[in-house]
Amino acid sequence: SNFKYAREEGKAKEYFQGANNRIFVQATLVTLCIVLFTLFLKGLFIFVAVALVSYLINKYISSKINGVTGDTIGAVSECIEVVTLFCICIIGRSG
């Protein structure tokens, strides 16, 4: 993971201990392939928007509490849902 876990203990700590850059890259590539195969360039727009917003929110949180926690992962997940739906609305209006 590109962000460290902020607590000494917690349920999400195991998630962070098992994550590494290889797993991150593999998951990203699989997701990108699925998005491109199903939605083409519209999917790429959503993918980039979600990745950028997720990174920026996590970067901000990390600067405030020196890492991320399970609670912040959940909060970012909810924000990403909103961004995804917003992107779908933009795509739907553009034709």
PDB file of N, CA and C in Angstrom:
ATOM      1  N   SER A   1       0.838  -1.187   0.000  1.00  0.00           N
ATOM      2  CA  SER A   1       0.000   0.000   0.000  1.00  0.00           C
ATOM      3  C   SER A   1       0.877   1.243   0.000  1.00  0.00           C
ATOM      4  N   ASN A   2       0.420   2.278  -0.627  1.00  0.00           N
ATOM      5  CA  ASN A   2       1.174   3.525  -0.673  1.00  0.00           C
ATOM      6  C   ASN A   2       1.000   4.365   0.588  1.00  0.00           C
ATOM      7  N   PHE A   3       0.064   3.982   1.437  1.00  0.00           N
ATOM      8  CA  PHE A   3      -0.179   4.704   2.671  1.00  0.00           C
ATOM      9  C   PHE A   3       0.004   3.758   3.841  1.00  0.00           C
ATOM     10  N   LYS A   4       0.579   4.264   4.920  1.00  0.00           N
ATOM     11  CA  LYS A   4       0.817   3.394   6.073  1.00  0.00           C
ATOM     12  C   LYS A   4      -0.393   3.398   7.005  1.00  0.00           C
ATOM     13  N   TYR A   5      -0.458   2.362   7.836  1.00  0.00           N
ATOM     14  CA  TYR A   5      -1.536   2.245   8.803  1.00  0.00           C
ATOM     15  C   TYR A   5      -1.214   3.128   9.993  1.00  0.00           C
ATOM     16  N   ALA A   6      -2.175   3.902  10.461  1.00  0.00           N
ATOM     17  CA  ALA A   6      -1.934   4.931  11.470  1.00  0.00           C
ATOM     18  C   ALA A   6      -1.975   4.424  12.914  1.00  0.00           C
ATOM     19  N   ARG A   7      -2.516   3.233  13.133  1.00  0.00           N
ATOM     20  CA  ARG A   7      -2.685   2.748  14.508  1.00  0.00           C
ATOM     21  C   ARG A   7      -1.756   1.575  14.801  1.00  0.00           C
ATOM     22  N   GLU A   8      -1.515   1.362  16.087  1.00  0.00           N
ATOM     23  CA  GLU A   8      -0.733   0.199  16.504  1.00  0.00           C
ATOM     24  C   GLU A   8      -1.533  -1.085  16.344  1.00  0.00           C
ATOM     25  N   GLU A   9      -2.843  -0.994  16.606  1.00  0.00           N
ATOM     26  CA  GLU A   9      -3.729  -2.148  16.494  1.00  0.00           C
ATOM     27  C   GLU A   9      -4.962  -1.747  15.701  1.00  0.00           C
ATOM     28  N   GLY A  10      -5.714  -2.740  15.277  1.00  0.00           N
ATOM     29  CA  GLY A  10      -6.943  -2.472  14.549  1.00  0.00           C
ATOM     30  C   GLY A  10      -7.209  -3.575  13.547  1.00  0.00           C
ATOM     31  N   LYS A  11      -8.465  -3.723  13.178  1.00  0.00           N
ATOM     32  CA  LYS A  11      -8.855  -4.782  12.255  1.00  0.00           C
ATOM     33  C   LYS A  11      -8.243  -4.597  10.868  1.00  0.00           C
ATOM     34  N   ALA A  12      -8.058  -3.367  10.445  1.00  0.00           N
ATOM     35  CA  ALA A  12      -7.527  -3.113   9.101  1.00  0.00           C
ATOM     36  C   ALA A  12      -6.010  -3.276   9.033  1.00  0.00           C
ATOM     37  N   LYS A  13      -5.353  -3.446  10.177  1.00  0.00           N
ATOM     38  CA  LYS A  13      -3.894  -3.588  10.186  1.00  0.00           C
ATOM     39  C   LYS A  13      -3.459  -4.820   9.393  1.00  0.00           C
ATOM     40  N   GLU A  14      -4.209  -5.905   9.496  1.00  0.00           N
ATOM     41  CA  GLU A  14      -3.874  -7.116   8.749  1.00  0.00           C
ATOM     42  C   GLU A  14      -3.975  -6.872   7.248  1.00  0.00           C
ATOM     43  N   TYR A  15      -4.953  -6.093   6.837  1.00  0.00           N
ATOM     44  CA  TYR A  15      -5.106  -5.732   5.433  1.00  0.00           C
ATOM     45  C   TYR A  15      -3.860  -5.017   4.933  1.00  0.00           C
ATOM     46  N   PHE A  16      -3.356  -4.100   5.712  1.00  0.00           N
ATOM     47  CA  PHE A  16      -2.178  -3.341   5.319  1.00  0.00           C
ATOM     48  C   PHE A  16      -0.914  -4.188   5.351  1.00  0.00           C
ATOM     49  N   GLN A  17      -0.809  -5.092   6.303  1.00  0.00           N
ATOM     50  CA  GLN A  17       0.372  -5.941   6.377  1.00  0.00           C
ATOM     51  C   GLN A  17       0.449  -6.892   5.184  1.00  0.00           C
ATOM     52  N   GLY A  18      -0.700  -7.320   4.659  1.00  0.00           N
ATOM     53  CA  GLY A  18      -0.714  -8.241   3.531  1.00  0.00           C
ATOM     54  C   GLY A  18      -0.595  -7.565   2.183  1.00  0.00           C
ATOM     55  N   ALA A  19      -0.738  -6.260   2.148  1.00  0.00           N
ATOM     56  CA  ALA A  19      -0.706  -5.525   0.877  1.00  0.00           C
ATOM     57  C   ALA A  19       0.736  -5.146   0.527  1.00  0.00           C
ATOM     58  N   ASN A  20       1.032  -5.224  -0.761  1.00  0.00           N
ATOM     59  CA  ASN A  20       2.334  -4.749  -1.236  1.00  0.00           C
ATOM     60  C   ASN A  20       2.143  -4.161  -2.633  1.00  0.00           C
ATOM     61  N   ASN A  21       3.194  -3.608  -3.176  1.00  0.00           N
ATOM     62  CA  ASN A  21       3.082  -2.939  -4.476  1.00  0.00           C
ATOM     63  C   ASN A  21       2.722  -3.911  -5.597  1.00  0.00           C
ATOM     64  N   ARG A  22       3.206  -5.141  -5.536  1.00  0.00           N
ATOM     65  CA  ARG A  22       2.889  -6.124  -6.570  1.00  0.00           C
ATOM     66  C   ARG A  22       1.393  -6.414  -6.605  1.00  0.00           C
ATOM     67  N   ILE A  23       0.797  -6.620  -5.453  1.00  0.00           N
ATOM     68  CA  ILE A  23      -0.645  -6.872  -5.369  1.00  0.00           C
ATOM     69  C   ILE A  23      -1.423  -5.649  -5.843  1.00  0.00           C
ATOM     70  N   PHE A  24      -0.961  -4.471  -5.462  1.00  0.00           N
ATOM     71  CA  PHE A  24      -1.617  -3.228  -5.885  1.00  0.00           C
ATOM     72  C   PHE A  24      -1.604  -3.092  -7.409  1.00  0.00           C
ATOM     73  N   VAL A  25      -0.458  -3.336  -8.019  1.00  0.00           N
ATOM     74  CA  VAL A  25      -0.345  -3.216  -9.476  1.00  0.00           C
ATOM     75  C   VAL A  25      -1.209  -4.268 -10.171  1.00  0.00           C
ATOM     76  N   GLN A  26      -1.191  -5.495  -9.683  1.00  0.00           N
ATOM     77  CA  GLN A  26      -2.007  -6.552 -10.282  1.00  0.00           C
ATOM     78  C   GLN A  26      -3.496  -6.209 -10.205  1.00  0.00           C
ATOM     79  N   ALA A  27      -3.950  -5.781  -9.052  1.00  0.00           N
ATOM     80  CA  ALA A  27      -5.365  -5.436  -8.883  1.00  0.00           C
ATOM     81  C   ALA A  27      -5.746  -4.248  -9.767  1.00  0.00           C
ATOM     82  N   THR A  28      -4.855  -3.288  -9.874  1.00  0.00           N
ATOM     83  CA  THR A  28      -5.114  -2.125 -10.713  1.00  0.00           C
ATOM     84  C   THR A  28      -5.219  -2.517 -12.187  1.00  0.00           C
ATOM     85  N   LEU A  29      -4.310  -3.363 -12.644  1.00  0.00           N
ATOM     86  CA  LEU A  29      -4.330  -3.786 -14.047  1.00  0.00           C
ATOM     87  C   LEU A  29      -5.561  -4.617 -14.381  1.00  0.00           C
ATOM     88  N   VAL A  30      -5.958  -5.511 -13.482  1.00  0.00           N
ATOM     89  CA  VAL A  30      -7.171  -6.312 -13.709  1.00  0.00           C
ATOM     90  C   VAL A  30      -8.388  -5.400 -13.777  1.00  0.00           C
ATOM     91  N   THR A  31      -8.474  -4.466 -12.852  1.00  0.00           N
ATOM     92  CA  THR A  31      -9.595  -3.525 -12.844  1.00  0.00           C
ATOM     93  C   THR A  31      -9.614  -2.684 -14.114  1.00  0.00           C
ATOM     94  N   LEU A  32      -8.459  -2.190 -14.506  1.00  0.00           N
ATOM     95  CA  LEU A  32      -8.368  -1.375 -15.711  1.00  0.00           C
ATOM     96  C   LEU A  32      -8.781  -2.166 -16.954  1.00  0.00           C
ATOM     97  N   CYS A  33      -8.359  -3.417 -17.045  1.00  0.00           N
ATOM     98  CA  CYS A  33      -8.749  -4.268 -18.188  1.00  0.00           C
ATOM     99  C   CYS A  33     -10.262  -4.469 -18.233  1.00  0.00           C
ATOM    100  N   ILE A  34     -10.858  -4.738 -17.096  1.00  0.00           N
ATOM    101  CA  ILE A  34     -12.309  -4.940 -17.043  1.00  0.00           C
ATOM    102  C   ILE A  34     -13.041  -3.658 -17.437  1.00  0.00           C
ATOM    103  N   VAL A  35     -12.574  -2.539 -16.916  1.00  0.00           N
ATOM    104  CA  VAL A  35     -13.203  -1.247 -17.219  1.00  0.00           C
ATOM    105  C   VAL A  35     -13.097  -0.933 -18.705  1.00  0.00           C
ATOM    106  N   LEU A  36     -11.919  -1.113 -19.268  1.00  0.00           N
ATOM    107  CA  LEU A  36     -11.736  -0.821 -20.696  1.00  0.00           C
ATOM    108  C   LEU A  36     -12.534  -1.774 -21.575  1.00  0.00           C
ATOM    109  N   PHE A  37     -12.602  -3.036 -21.189  1.00  0.00           N
ATOM    110  CA  PHE A  37     -13.341  -4.023 -21.974  1.00  0.00           C
ATOM    111  C   PHE A  37     -14.846  -3.754 -21.960  1.00  0.00           C
ATOM    112  N   THR A  38     -15.363  -3.304 -20.828  1.00  0.00           N
ATOM    113  CA  THR A  38     -16.811  -3.125 -20.709  1.00  0.00           C
ATOM    114  C   THR A  38     -17.285  -1.719 -21.069  1.00  0.00           C
ATOM    115  N   LEU A  39     -16.489  -0.704 -20.753  1.00  0.00           N
ATOM    116  CA  LEU A  39     -16.959   0.670 -20.928  1.00  0.00           C
ATOM    117  C   LEU A  39     -16.066   1.536 -21.825  1.00  0.00           C
ATOM    118  N   PHE A  40     -14.982   0.985 -22.318  1.00  0.00           N
ATOM    119  CA  PHE A  40     -14.067   1.694 -23.212  1.00  0.00           C
ATOM    120  C   PHE A  40     -13.584   3.010 -22.603  1.00  0.00           C
ATOM    121  N   LEU A  41     -13.578   4.087 -23.368  1.00  0.00           N
ATOM    122  CA  LEU A  41     -13.029   5.357 -22.890  1.00  0.00           C
ATOM    123  C   LEU A  41     -13.864   5.979 -21.771  1.00  0.00           C
ATOM    124  N   LYS A  42     -15.159   5.715 -21.783  1.00  0.00           N
ATOM    125  CA  LYS A  42     -15.998   6.219 -20.688  1.00  0.00           C
ATOM    126  C   LYS A  42     -15.563   5.584 -19.369  1.00  0.00           C
ATOM    127  N   GLY A  43     -15.246   4.305 -19.437  1.00  0.00           N
ATOM    128  CA  GLY A  43     -14.761   3.603 -18.252  1.00  0.00           C
ATOM    129  C   GLY A  43     -13.403   4.118 -17.800  1.00  0.00           C
ATOM    130  N   LEU A  44     -12.572   4.458 -18.751  1.00  0.00           N
ATOM    131  CA  LEU A  44     -11.263   5.013 -18.415  1.00  0.00           C
ATOM    132  C   LEU A  44     -11.421   6.350 -17.694  1.00  0.00           C
ATOM    133  N   PHE A  45     -12.369   7.165 -18.129  1.00  0.00           N
ATOM    134  CA  PHE A  45     -12.660   8.434 -17.457  1.00  0.00           C
ATOM    135  C   PHE A  45     -13.040   8.187 -15.994  1.00  0.00           C
ATOM    136  N   ILE A  46     -13.931   7.231 -15.760  1.00  0.00           N
ATOM    137  CA  ILE A  46     -14.352   6.903 -14.390  1.00  0.00           C
ATOM    138  C   ILE A  46     -13.167   6.370 -13.591  1.00  0.00           C
ATOM    139  N   PHE A  47     -12.395   5.477 -14.191  1.00  0.00           N
ATOM    140  CA  PHE A  47     -11.242   4.870 -13.517  1.00  0.00           C
ATOM    141  C   PHE A  47     -10.250   5.938 -13.062  1.00  0.00           C
ATOM    142  N   VAL A  48      -9.910   6.854 -13.952  1.00  0.00           N
ATOM    143  CA  VAL A  48      -8.946   7.909 -13.624  1.00  0.00           C
ATOM    144  C   VAL A  48      -9.511   8.836 -12.551  1.00  0.00           C
ATOM    145  N   ALA A  49     -10.769   9.202 -12.663  1.00  0.00           N
ATOM    146  CA  ALA A  49     -11.395  10.085 -11.670  1.00  0.00           C
ATOM    147  C   ALA A  49     -11.392   9.433 -10.287  1.00  0.00           C
ATOM    148  N   VAL A  50     -11.765   8.168 -10.238  1.00  0.00           N
ATOM    149  CA  VAL A  50     -11.806   7.442  -8.965  1.00  0.00           C
ATOM    150  C   VAL A  50     -10.404   7.304  -8.378  1.00  0.00           C
ATOM    151  N   ALA A  51      -9.438   6.944  -9.195  1.00  0.00           N
ATOM    152  CA  ALA A  51      -8.065   6.778  -8.707  1.00  0.00           C
ATOM    153  C   ALA A  51      -7.508   8.097  -8.175  1.00  0.00           C
ATOM    154  N   LEU A  52      -7.750   9.173  -8.906  1.00  0.00           N
ATOM    155  CA  LEU A  52      -7.245  10.480  -8.498  1.00  0.00           C
ATOM    156  C   LEU A  52      -7.887  10.956  -7.196  1.00  0.00           C
ATOM    157  N   VAL A  53      -9.199  10.869  -7.119  1.00  0.00           N
ATOM    158  CA  VAL A  53      -9.893  11.308  -5.897  1.00  0.00           C
ATOM    159  C   VAL A  53      -9.489  10.437  -4.703  1.00  0.00           C
ATOM    160  N   SER A  54      -9.399   9.155  -4.913  1.00  0.00           N
ATOM    161  CA  SER A  54      -8.990   8.254  -3.836  1.00  0.00           C
ATOM    162  C   SER A  54      -7.590   8.611  -3.329  1.00  0.00           C
ATOM    163  N   TYR A  55      -6.671   8.814  -4.252  1.00  0.00           N
ATOM    164  CA  TYR A  55      -5.304   9.173  -3.866  1.00  0.00           C
ATOM    165  C   TYR A  55      -5.274  10.496  -3.106  1.00  0.00           C
ATOM    166  N   LEU A  56      -5.971  11.499  -3.615  1.00  0.00           N
ATOM    167  CA  LEU A  56      -5.949  12.825  -2.978  1.00  0.00           C
ATOM    168  C   LEU A  56      -6.567  12.807  -1.586  1.00  0.00           C
ATOM    169  N   ILE A  57      -7.668  12.095  -1.421  1.00  0.00           N
ATOM    170  CA  ILE A  57      -8.299  12.011  -0.099  1.00  0.00           C
ATOM    171  C   ILE A  57      -7.389  11.275   0.874  1.00  0.00           C
ATOM    172  N   ASN A  58      -6.828  10.150   0.439  1.00  0.00           N
ATOM    173  CA  ASN A  58      -5.925   9.399   1.319  1.00  0.00           C
ATOM    174  C   ASN A  58      -4.672  10.201   1.661  1.00  0.00           C
ATOM    175  N   LYS A  59      -4.169  10.960   0.701  1.00  0.00           N
ATOM    176  CA  LYS A  59      -3.004  11.812   0.948  1.00  0.00           C
ATOM    177  C   LYS A  59      -3.335  12.872   2.006  1.00  0.00           C
ATOM    178  N   TYR A  60      -4.516  13.473   1.889  1.00  0.00           N
ATOM    179  CA  TYR A  60      -4.935  14.480   2.865  1.00  0.00           C
ATOM    180  C   TYR A  60      -5.094  13.860   4.259  1.00  0.00           C
ATOM    181  N   ILE A  61      -5.767  12.722   4.321  1.00  0.00           N
ATOM    182  CA  ILE A  61      -5.964  12.051   5.606  1.00  0.00           C
ATOM    183  C   ILE A  61      -4.623  11.681   6.225  1.00  0.00           C
ATOM    184  N   SER A  62      -3.722  11.161   5.417  1.00  0.00           N
ATOM    185  CA  SER A  62      -2.395  10.770   5.916  1.00  0.00           C
ATOM    186  C   SER A  62      -1.632  11.969   6.463  1.00  0.00           C
ATOM    187  N   SER A  63      -1.820  13.124   5.858  1.00  0.00           N
ATOM    188  CA  SER A  63      -1.128  14.315   6.355  1.00  0.00           C
ATOM    189  C   SER A  63      -1.683  14.777   7.700  1.00  0.00           C
ATOM    190  N   LYS A  64      -2.938  14.443   7.967  1.00  0.00           N
ATOM    191  CA  LYS A  64      -3.568  14.881   9.220  1.00  0.00           C
ATOM    192  C   LYS A  64      -3.344  13.901  10.373  1.00  0.00           C
ATOM    193  N   ILE A  65      -3.413  12.593  10.086  1.00  0.00           N
ATOM    194  CA  ILE A  65      -3.299  11.606  11.172  1.00  0.00           C
ATOM    195  C   ILE A  65      -2.126  10.657  10.979  1.00  0.00           C
ATOM    196  N   ASN A  66      -1.230  11.004  10.063  1.00  0.00           N
ATOM    197  CA  ASN A  66      -0.008  10.232   9.841  1.00  0.00           C
ATOM    198  C   ASN A  66      -0.283   8.787   9.412  1.00  0.00           C
ATOM    199  N   GLY A  67      -1.233   8.623   8.516  1.00  0.00           N
ATOM    200  CA  GLY A  67      -1.576   7.302   7.997  1.00  0.00           C
ATOM    201  C   GLY A  67      -3.072   7.196   7.786  1.00  0.00           C
ATOM    202  N   VAL A  68      -3.531   5.979   7.523  1.00  0.00           N
ATOM    203  CA  VAL A  68      -4.958   5.729   7.347  1.00  0.00           C
ATOM    204  C   VAL A  68      -5.396   4.630   8.297  1.00  0.00           C
ATOM    205  N   THR A  69      -6.699   4.547   8.525  1.00  0.00           N
ATOM    206  CA  THR A  69      -7.264   3.523   9.404  1.00  0.00           C
ATOM    207  C   THR A  69      -8.417   2.839   8.674  1.00  0.00           C
ATOM    208  N   GLY A  70      -8.973   1.845   9.303  1.00  0.00           N
ATOM    209  CA  GLY A  70     -10.136   1.181   8.726  1.00  0.00           C
ATOM    210  C   GLY A  70     -11.300   2.145   8.546  1.00  0.00           C
ATOM    211  N   ASP A  71     -11.468   3.057   9.482  1.00  0.00           N
ATOM    212  CA  ASP A  71     -12.544   4.044   9.378  1.00  0.00           C
ATOM    213  C   ASP A  71     -12.331   4.974   8.186  1.00  0.00           C
ATOM    214  N   THR A  72     -11.092   5.384   7.975  1.00  0.00           N
ATOM    215  CA  THR A  72     -10.840   6.289   6.847  1.00  0.00           C
ATOM    216  C   THR A  72     -10.955   5.551   5.512  1.00  0.00           C
ATOM    217  N   ILE A  73     -10.596   4.278   5.498  1.00  0.00           N
ATOM    218  CA  ILE A  73     -10.775   3.479   4.277  1.00  0.00           C
ATOM    219  C   ILE A  73     -12.262   3.408   3.940  1.00  0.00           C
ATOM    220  N   GLY A  74     -13.102   3.200   4.937  1.00  0.00           N
ATOM    221  CA  GLY A  74     -14.544   3.173   4.724  1.00  0.00           C
ATOM    222  C   GLY A  74     -15.080   4.505   4.243  1.00  0.00           C
ATOM    223  N   ALA A  75     -14.569   5.587   4.809  1.00  0.00           N
ATOM    224  CA  ALA A  75     -15.012   6.922   4.391  1.00  0.00           C
ATOM    225  C   ALA A  75     -14.598   7.206   2.950  1.00  0.00           C
ATOM    226  N   VAL A  76     -13.386   6.834   2.592  1.00  0.00           N
ATOM    227  CA  VAL A  76     -12.922   7.032   1.213  1.00  0.00           C
ATOM    228  C   VAL A  76     -13.764   6.194   0.260  1.00  0.00           C
ATOM    229  N   SER A  77     -14.107   4.992   0.668  1.00  0.00           N
ATOM    230  CA  SER A  77     -14.952   4.124  -0.152  1.00  0.00           C
ATOM    231  C   SER A  77     -16.297   4.786  -0.442  1.00  0.00           C
ATOM    232  N   GLU A  78     -16.884   5.402   0.551  1.00  0.00           N
ATOM    233  CA  GLU A  78     -18.154   6.103   0.351  1.00  0.00           C
ATOM    234  C   GLU A  78     -17.982   7.292  -0.589  1.00  0.00           C
ATOM    235  N   CYS A  79     -16.902   8.022  -0.442  1.00  0.00           N
ATOM    236  CA  CYS A  79     -16.632   9.149  -1.354  1.00  0.00           C
ATOM    237  C   CYS A  79     -16.460   8.655  -2.783  1.00  0.00           C
ATOM    238  N   ILE A  80     -15.797   7.530  -2.946  1.00  0.00           N
ATOM    239  CA  ILE A  80     -15.567   6.968  -4.276  1.00  0.00           C
ATOM    240  C   ILE A  80     -16.889   6.551  -4.916  1.00  0.00           C
ATOM    241  N   GLU A  81     -17.810   6.048  -4.132  1.00  0.00           N
ATOM    242  CA  GLU A  81     -19.136   5.718  -4.675  1.00  0.00           C
ATOM    243  C   GLU A  81     -19.805   6.968  -5.241  1.00  0.00           C
ATOM    244  N   VAL A  82     -19.712   8.070  -4.515  1.00  0.00           N
ATOM    245  CA  VAL A  82     -20.312   9.326  -4.970  1.00  0.00           C
ATOM    246  C   VAL A  82     -19.625   9.802  -6.255  1.00  0.00           C
ATOM    247  N   VAL A  83     -18.302   9.739  -6.298  1.00  0.00           N
ATOM    248  CA  VAL A  83     -17.556  10.152  -7.489  1.00  0.00           C
ATOM    249  C   VAL A  83     -17.947   9.284  -8.680  1.00  0.00           C
ATOM    250  N   THR A  84     -18.056   7.987  -8.474  1.00  0.00           N
ATOM    251  CA  THR A  84     -18.433   7.071  -9.554  1.00  0.00           C
ATOM    252  C   THR A  84     -19.815   7.416 -10.092  1.00  0.00           C
ATOM    253  N   LEU A  85     -20.770   7.609  -9.208  1.00  0.00           N
ATOM    254  CA  LEU A  85     -22.125   7.957  -9.643  1.00  0.00           C
ATOM    255  C   LEU A  85     -22.154   9.314 -10.348  1.00  0.00           C
ATOM    256  N   PHE A  86     -21.381  10.256  -9.862  1.00  0.00           N
ATOM    257  CA  PHE A  86     -21.296  11.564 -10.498  1.00  0.00           C
ATOM    258  C   PHE A  86     -20.733  11.437 -11.913  1.00  0.00           C
ATOM    259  N   CYS A  87     -19.686  10.648 -12.069  1.00  0.00           N
ATOM    260  CA  CYS A  87     -19.090  10.426 -13.398  1.00  0.00           C
ATOM    261  C   CYS A  87     -20.086   9.754 -14.344  1.00  0.00           C
ATOM    262  N   ILE A  88     -20.850   8.800 -13.820  1.00  0.00           N
ATOM    263  CA  ILE A  88     -21.869   8.140 -14.643  1.00  0.00           C
ATOM    264  C   ILE A  88     -22.915   9.145 -15.099  1.00  0.00           C
ATOM    265  N   CYS A  89     -23.302  10.064 -14.227  1.00  0.00           N
ATOM    266  CA  CYS A  89     -24.267  11.114 -14.608  1.00  0.00           C
ATOM    267  C   CYS A  89     -23.683  12.018 -15.680  1.00  0.00           C
ATOM    268  N   ILE A  90     -22.425  12.386 -15.548  1.00  0.00           N
ATOM    269  CA  ILE A  90     -21.776  13.226 -16.557  1.00  0.00           C
ATOM    270  C   ILE A  90     -21.750  12.495 -17.903  1.00  0.00           C
ATOM    271  N   ILE A  91     -21.371  11.236 -17.888  1.00  0.00           N
ATOM    272  CA  ILE A  91     -21.305  10.446 -19.117  1.00  0.00           C
ATOM    273  C   ILE A  91     -22.704  10.295 -19.722  1.00  0.00           C
ATOM    274  N   GLY A  92     -23.693  10.060 -18.888  1.00  0.00           N
ATOM    275  CA  GLY A  92     -25.064   9.901 -19.368  1.00  0.00           C
ATOM    276  C   GLY A  92     -25.590  11.151 -20.033  1.00  0.00           C
ATOM    277  N   ARG A  93     -25.223  12.299 -19.526  1.00  0.00           N
ATOM    278  CA  ARG A  93     -25.691  13.563 -20.120  1.00  0.00           C
ATOM    279  C   ARG A  93     -24.965  13.901 -21.405  1.00  0.00           C
ATOM    280  N   SER A  94     -23.735  13.397 -21.520  1.00  0.00           N
ATOM    281  CA  SER A  94     -22.954  13.743 -22.712  1.00  0.00           C
ATOM    282  C   SER A  94     -23.271  12.837 -23.899  1.00  0.00           C
ATOM    283  N   GLY A  95     -24.051  11.806 -23.646  1.00  0.00           N
ATOM    284  CA  GLY A  95     -24.473  10.953 -24.755  1.00  0.00           C
ATOM    285  C   GLY A  95     -23.759   9.715 -24.738  1.00  0.00           C
TER     286      GLY A  95
END
